[in-house]
Amino acid sequence: MKDRGMKKWRAFASIPEQYIGLQEIIYKQLEVPKPLLTEDQMEQMNQVLVEALYTNQKVYLTCYKHGKYITETGFIQFVDSSRDIFIFNAESSKLKKKIKLSEVINIRFV
């Protein structure tokens, strides 16, 4: 006699297409809508961004990507407002990331 193992506890995952569909529904329910920023908030973030670039101060950066808020700590390396991007050197991963200015929700000094 051969045991079925963990398959008997995965009732909803018996059909792979069904399991993928259920995972997509769960992820969509966890998504958060992107907040709308006022002109004052955007101006304040712009001032912090420029000051952090020139003084090389550490900042907390909160971005909105794929329905989630991502918060990281690091340094601003380069800003290109004409292409709507800046380069952020994350403290946790030691990698430089290109981030769109339109994805930034909040930026503040540590």
N, C-alpha and C. Protein backbone atom coordinates (compact mmCIF):
# COMPACT_ATOMS: atom_id res chain seq x y z
N MET A 1 0.84 -1.18 0.00
CA MET A 1 0.00 0.00 0.00
C MET A 1 0.89 1.25 0.00
N LYS A 2 0.57 2.22 -0.87
CA LYS A 2 1.38 3.42 -1.01
C LYS A 2 0.59 4.63 -0.51
N ASP A 3 1.22 5.43 0.35
CA ASP A 3 0.59 6.63 0.91
C ASP A 3 0.59 7.75 -0.14
N ARG A 4 -0.48 8.55 -0.16
CA ARG A 4 -0.58 9.66 -1.11
C ARG A 4 0.22 10.87 -0.67
N GLY A 5 0.67 10.91 0.54
CA GLY A 5 1.48 12.02 1.03
C GLY A 5 0.65 13.26 1.28
N MET A 6 1.19 14.42 0.94
CA MET A 6 0.53 15.70 1.21
C MET A 6 -0.58 16.03 0.20
N LYS A 7 -0.74 15.26 -0.83
CA LYS A 7 -1.77 15.56 -1.82
C LYS A 7 -3.16 15.56 -1.23
N LYS A 8 -3.38 14.74 -0.24
CA LYS A 8 -4.72 14.67 0.33
C LYS A 8 -5.10 15.94 1.09
N TRP A 9 -4.12 16.79 1.47
CA TRP A 9 -4.40 18.02 2.20
C TRP A 9 -4.49 19.22 1.27
N ARG A 10 -4.31 19.03 -0.01
CA ARG A 10 -4.34 20.14 -0.96
C ARG A 10 -5.57 20.02 -1.86
N ALA A 11 -6.72 20.12 -1.28
CA ALA A 11 -7.96 19.92 -2.04
C ALA A 11 -8.13 20.95 -3.15
N PHE A 12 -7.83 22.24 -2.91
CA PHE A 12 -8.03 23.26 -3.92
C PHE A 12 -6.91 23.30 -4.95
N ALA A 13 -5.82 22.62 -4.67
CA ALA A 13 -4.69 22.64 -5.59
C ALA A 13 -4.64 21.37 -6.44
N SER A 14 -5.73 20.67 -6.54
CA SER A 14 -5.73 19.43 -7.31
C SER A 14 -5.64 19.69 -8.80
N ILE A 15 -6.17 20.81 -9.27
CA ILE A 15 -6.07 21.19 -10.67
C ILE A 15 -5.14 22.40 -10.74
N PRO A 16 -4.01 22.28 -11.44
CA PRO A 16 -3.03 23.38 -11.45
C PRO A 16 -3.60 24.71 -11.92
N GLU A 17 -4.47 24.70 -12.95
CA GLU A 17 -5.04 25.95 -13.44
C GLU A 17 -5.90 26.62 -12.37
N GLN A 18 -6.61 25.81 -11.61
CA GLN A 18 -7.45 26.34 -10.54
C GLN A 18 -6.59 26.97 -9.45
N TYR A 19 -5.49 26.33 -9.11
CA TYR A 19 -4.59 26.83 -8.08
C TYR A 19 -3.99 28.18 -8.51
N ILE A 20 -3.59 28.29 -9.78
CA ILE A 20 -3.03 29.55 -10.29
C ILE A 20 -4.09 30.65 -10.25
N GLY A 21 -5.30 30.31 -10.63
CA GLY A 21 -6.39 31.30 -10.60
C GLY A 21 -6.70 31.78 -9.20
N LEU A 22 -6.69 30.86 -8.23
CA LEU A 22 -6.93 31.25 -6.84
C LEU A 22 -5.81 32.14 -6.31
N GLN A 23 -4.56 31.85 -6.67
CA GLN A 23 -3.44 32.68 -6.23
C GLN A 23 -3.58 34.10 -6.79
N GLU A 24 -3.98 34.24 -8.04
CA GLU A 24 -4.16 35.55 -8.64
C GLU A 24 -5.26 36.34 -7.92
N ILE A 25 -6.35 35.68 -7.57
CA ILE A 25 -7.44 36.34 -6.86
C ILE A 25 -6.98 36.82 -5.49
N ILE A 26 -6.21 35.99 -4.80
CA ILE A 26 -5.69 36.36 -3.47
C ILE A 26 -4.76 37.56 -3.58
N TYR A 27 -3.85 37.57 -4.57
CA TYR A 27 -2.93 38.69 -4.75
C TYR A 27 -3.67 39.98 -5.10
N LYS A 28 -4.70 39.89 -5.92
CA LYS A 28 -5.47 41.08 -6.28
C LYS A 28 -6.20 41.67 -5.07
N GLN A 29 -6.65 40.81 -4.14
CA GLN A 29 -7.32 41.30 -2.94
C GLN A 29 -6.36 42.01 -2.01
N LEU A 30 -5.07 41.67 -2.06
CA LEU A 30 -4.08 42.29 -1.19
C LEU A 30 -3.54 43.61 -1.74
N GLU A 31 -3.86 43.93 -3.00
CA GLU A 31 -3.37 45.17 -3.59
C GLU A 31 -3.98 46.39 -2.91
N VAL A 32 -3.17 47.44 -2.82
CA VAL A 32 -3.58 48.70 -2.20
C VAL A 32 -3.64 49.75 -3.31
N PRO A 33 -4.68 50.60 -3.35
CA PRO A 33 -4.73 51.62 -4.40
C PRO A 33 -3.65 52.68 -4.19
N LYS A 34 -3.16 53.25 -5.30
CA LYS A 34 -2.13 54.28 -5.23
C LYS A 34 -2.73 55.57 -4.70
N PRO A 35 -2.11 56.17 -3.68
CA PRO A 35 -2.65 57.41 -3.12
C PRO A 35 -2.37 58.60 -4.06
N LEU A 36 -3.27 59.56 -4.03
CA LEU A 36 -3.08 60.78 -4.79
C LEU A 36 -2.35 61.80 -3.92
N LEU A 37 -1.32 62.41 -4.47
CA LEU A 37 -0.52 63.38 -3.74
C LEU A 37 -0.92 64.80 -4.12
N THR A 38 -0.92 65.68 -3.13
CA THR A 38 -1.23 67.09 -3.39
C THR A 38 0.02 67.79 -3.91
N GLU A 39 -0.17 68.99 -4.40
CA GLU A 39 0.96 69.78 -4.90
C GLU A 39 1.95 70.09 -3.77
N ASP A 40 1.44 70.36 -2.56
CA ASP A 40 2.30 70.65 -1.43
C ASP A 40 3.16 69.44 -1.06
N GLN A 41 2.57 68.25 -1.07
CA GLN A 41 3.32 67.04 -0.76
C GLN A 41 4.41 66.80 -1.81
N MET A 42 4.07 67.01 -3.07
CA MET A 42 5.06 66.80 -4.13
C MET A 42 6.19 67.82 -4.04
N GLU A 43 5.87 69.05 -3.71
CA GLU A 43 6.89 70.09 -3.56
C GLU A 43 7.82 69.78 -2.38
N GLN A 44 7.23 69.33 -1.27
CA GLN A 44 8.04 68.97 -0.10
C GLN A 44 8.96 67.79 -0.42
N MET A 45 8.45 66.78 -1.13
CA MET A 45 9.29 65.63 -1.51
C MET A 45 10.41 66.07 -2.45
N ASN A 46 10.11 67.01 -3.34
CA ASN A 46 11.13 67.52 -4.25
C ASN A 46 12.25 68.23 -3.48
N GLN A 47 11.89 69.02 -2.48
CA GLN A 47 12.90 69.71 -1.66
C GLN A 47 13.78 68.71 -0.91
N VAL A 48 13.16 67.69 -0.33
CA VAL A 48 13.92 66.68 0.40
C VAL A 48 14.84 65.92 -0.56
N LEU A 49 14.34 65.62 -1.75
CA LEU A 49 15.11 64.89 -2.74
C LEU A 49 16.35 65.67 -3.16
N VAL A 50 16.19 66.95 -3.44
CA VAL A 50 17.31 67.79 -3.86
C VAL A 50 18.31 67.96 -2.72
N GLU A 51 17.81 68.21 -1.52
CA GLU A 51 18.71 68.39 -0.38
C GLU A 51 19.47 67.10 -0.06
N ALA A 52 18.80 65.96 -0.16
CA ALA A 52 19.47 64.67 0.09
C ALA A 52 20.53 64.40 -0.96
N LEU A 53 20.29 64.82 -2.19
CA LEU A 53 21.27 64.62 -3.26
C LEU A 53 22.53 65.44 -3.01
N TYR A 54 22.36 66.71 -2.65
CA TYR A 54 23.52 67.59 -2.49
C TYR A 54 24.25 67.41 -1.17
N THR A 55 23.57 67.01 -0.12
CA THR A 55 24.23 66.83 1.19
C THR A 55 24.58 65.38 1.48
N ASN A 56 24.17 64.47 0.59
CA ASN A 56 24.43 63.04 0.75
C ASN A 56 23.92 62.51 2.09
N GLN A 57 22.70 62.87 2.44
CA GLN A 57 22.07 62.39 3.67
C GLN A 57 21.25 61.14 3.38
N LYS A 58 21.13 60.31 4.40
CA LYS A 58 20.34 59.08 4.30
C LYS A 58 18.85 59.42 4.37
N VAL A 59 18.04 58.73 3.54
CA VAL A 59 16.61 59.00 3.49
C VAL A 59 15.82 57.69 3.59
N TYR A 60 14.58 57.84 4.09
CA TYR A 60 13.58 56.78 4.00
C TYR A 60 12.78 57.05 2.73
N LEU A 61 12.65 56.05 1.89
CA LEU A 61 11.95 56.19 0.63
C LEU A 61 10.80 55.20 0.58
N THR A 62 9.60 55.68 0.32
CA THR A 62 8.43 54.81 0.17
C THR A 62 7.94 54.93 -1.26
N CYS A 63 7.87 53.79 -1.94
CA CYS A 63 7.43 53.74 -3.34
C CYS A 63 6.20 52.85 -3.46
N TYR A 64 5.46 53.08 -4.53
CA TYR A 64 4.29 52.27 -4.84
C TYR A 64 4.59 51.47 -6.10
N LYS A 65 4.64 50.13 -5.96
CA LYS A 65 4.89 49.26 -7.10
C LYS A 65 3.98 48.05 -7.03
N HIS A 66 3.29 47.80 -8.12
CA HIS A 66 2.46 46.61 -8.26
C HIS A 66 1.47 46.42 -7.12
N GLY A 67 0.87 47.50 -6.66
CA GLY A 67 -0.16 47.43 -5.64
C GLY A 67 0.37 47.30 -4.22
N LYS A 68 1.66 47.55 -4.01
CA LYS A 68 2.26 47.43 -2.68
C LYS A 68 3.12 48.65 -2.38
N TYR A 69 3.26 48.95 -1.10
CA TYR A 69 4.17 50.00 -0.64
C TYR A 69 5.50 49.35 -0.30
N ILE A 70 6.58 49.91 -0.83
CA ILE A 70 7.92 49.40 -0.57
C ILE A 70 8.70 50.52 0.10
N THR A 71 9.23 50.25 1.29
CA THR A 71 9.99 51.24 2.04
C THR A 71 11.44 50.77 2.18
N GLU A 72 12.37 51.66 1.84
CA GLU A 72 13.79 51.35 1.93
C GLU A 72 14.54 52.55 2.49
N THR A 73 15.74 52.27 2.98
CA THR A 73 16.63 53.31 3.49
C THR A 73 17.87 53.33 2.61
N GLY A 74 18.34 54.53 2.28
CA GLY A 74 19.54 54.62 1.46
C GLY A 74 19.87 56.05 1.09
N PHE A 75 20.64 56.18 0.01
CA PHE A 75 21.13 57.48 -0.44
C PHE A 75 20.72 57.75 -1.88
N ILE A 76 20.46 59.02 -2.19
CA ILE A 76 20.14 59.44 -3.54
C ILE A 76 21.46 59.69 -4.26
N GLN A 77 21.65 59.07 -5.42
CA GLN A 77 22.90 59.20 -6.16
C GLN A 77 22.80 60.19 -7.33
N PHE A 78 21.66 60.16 -8.03
CA PHE A 78 21.52 60.96 -9.26
C PHE A 78 20.04 61.19 -9.52
N VAL A 79 19.70 62.38 -10.00
CA VAL A 79 18.31 62.70 -10.34
C VAL A 79 18.27 63.23 -11.77
N ASP A 80 17.37 62.66 -12.58
CA ASP A 80 17.15 63.13 -13.94
C ASP A 80 15.66 63.40 -14.10
N SER A 81 15.26 64.65 -13.87
CA SER A 81 13.84 64.99 -13.91
C SER A 81 13.26 64.95 -15.32
N SER A 82 14.09 65.12 -16.34
CA SER A 82 13.58 65.08 -17.71
C SER A 82 13.15 63.67 -18.11
N ARG A 83 13.82 62.64 -17.56
CA ARG A 83 13.45 61.25 -17.84
C ARG A 83 12.60 60.66 -16.73
N ASP A 84 12.29 61.45 -15.68
CA ASP A 84 11.43 61.03 -14.58
C ASP A 84 12.03 59.85 -13.80
N ILE A 85 13.35 59.85 -13.62
CA ILE A 85 13.99 58.78 -12.85
C ILE A 85 15.02 59.37 -11.90
N PHE A 86 15.38 58.56 -10.91
CA PHE A 86 16.54 58.87 -10.08
C PHE A 86 17.18 57.55 -9.66
N ILE A 87 18.45 57.64 -9.28
CA ILE A 87 19.18 56.44 -8.87
C ILE A 87 19.29 56.47 -7.36
N PHE A 88 18.86 55.36 -6.76
CA PHE A 88 18.80 55.22 -5.31
C PHE A 88 19.72 54.07 -4.90
N ASN A 89 20.63 54.34 -3.98
CA ASN A 89 21.55 53.33 -3.48
C ASN A 89 20.98 52.78 -2.17
N ALA A 90 20.33 51.62 -2.25
CA ALA A 90 19.67 51.03 -1.08
C ALA A 90 20.71 50.53 -0.08
N GLU A 91 20.47 50.82 1.19
CA GLU A 91 21.40 50.43 2.24
C GLU A 91 21.36 48.92 2.49
N SER A 92 20.20 48.30 2.35
CA SER A 92 20.05 46.88 2.67
C SER A 92 20.69 45.97 1.62
N SER A 93 20.58 46.33 0.34
CA SER A 93 21.08 45.44 -0.71
C SER A 93 22.38 45.90 -1.35
N LYS A 94 22.84 47.09 -1.03
CA LYS A 94 24.06 47.65 -1.60
C LYS A 94 24.02 47.73 -3.12
N LEU A 95 22.82 47.77 -3.69
CA LEU A 95 22.65 47.88 -5.13
C LEU A 95 22.07 49.23 -5.50
N LYS A 96 22.42 49.71 -6.68
CA LYS A 96 21.84 50.95 -7.18
C LYS A 96 20.58 50.59 -7.95
N LYS A 97 19.50 51.33 -7.67
CA LYS A 97 18.22 51.06 -8.32
C LYS A 97 17.75 52.30 -9.05
N LYS A 98 17.20 52.10 -10.25
CA LYS A 98 16.55 53.19 -10.96
C LYS A 98 15.09 53.18 -10.55
N ILE A 99 14.63 54.32 -10.06
CA ILE A 99 13.25 54.44 -9.59
C ILE A 99 12.61 55.62 -10.30
N LYS A 100 11.37 55.44 -10.72
CA LYS A 100 10.63 56.53 -11.35
C LYS A 100 10.17 57.51 -10.28
N LEU A 101 10.26 58.78 -10.59
CA LEU A 101 9.79 59.81 -9.65
C LEU A 101 8.29 59.70 -9.42
N SER A 102 7.56 59.22 -10.41
CA SER A 102 6.11 59.09 -10.26
C SER A 102 5.72 57.96 -9.32
N GLU A 103 6.64 57.03 -9.00
CA GLU A 103 6.35 55.93 -8.09
C GLU A 103 6.57 56.32 -6.62
N VAL A 104 7.24 57.44 -6.37
CA VAL A 104 7.56 57.85 -5.00
C VAL A 104 6.32 58.40 -4.32
N ILE A 105 6.05 57.87 -3.14
CA ILE A 105 4.91 58.34 -2.34
C ILE A 105 5.38 59.25 -1.22
N ASN A 106 6.51 58.88 -0.62
CA ASN A 106 7.02 59.67 0.51
C ASN A 106 8.54 59.54 0.54
N ILE A 107 9.20 60.63 0.88
CA ILE A 107 10.64 60.62 1.09
C ILE A 107 10.91 61.56 2.25
N ARG A 108 11.71 61.08 3.20
CA ARG A 108 12.04 61.91 4.36
C ARG A 108 13.42 61.52 4.88
N PHE A 109 14.01 62.42 5.64
CA PHE A 109 15.34 62.15 6.21
C PHE A 109 15.24 61.19 7.37
N VAL A 110 16.30 60.42 7.57
CA VAL A 110 16.35 59.46 8.68
C VAL A 110 16.49 60.18 9.98
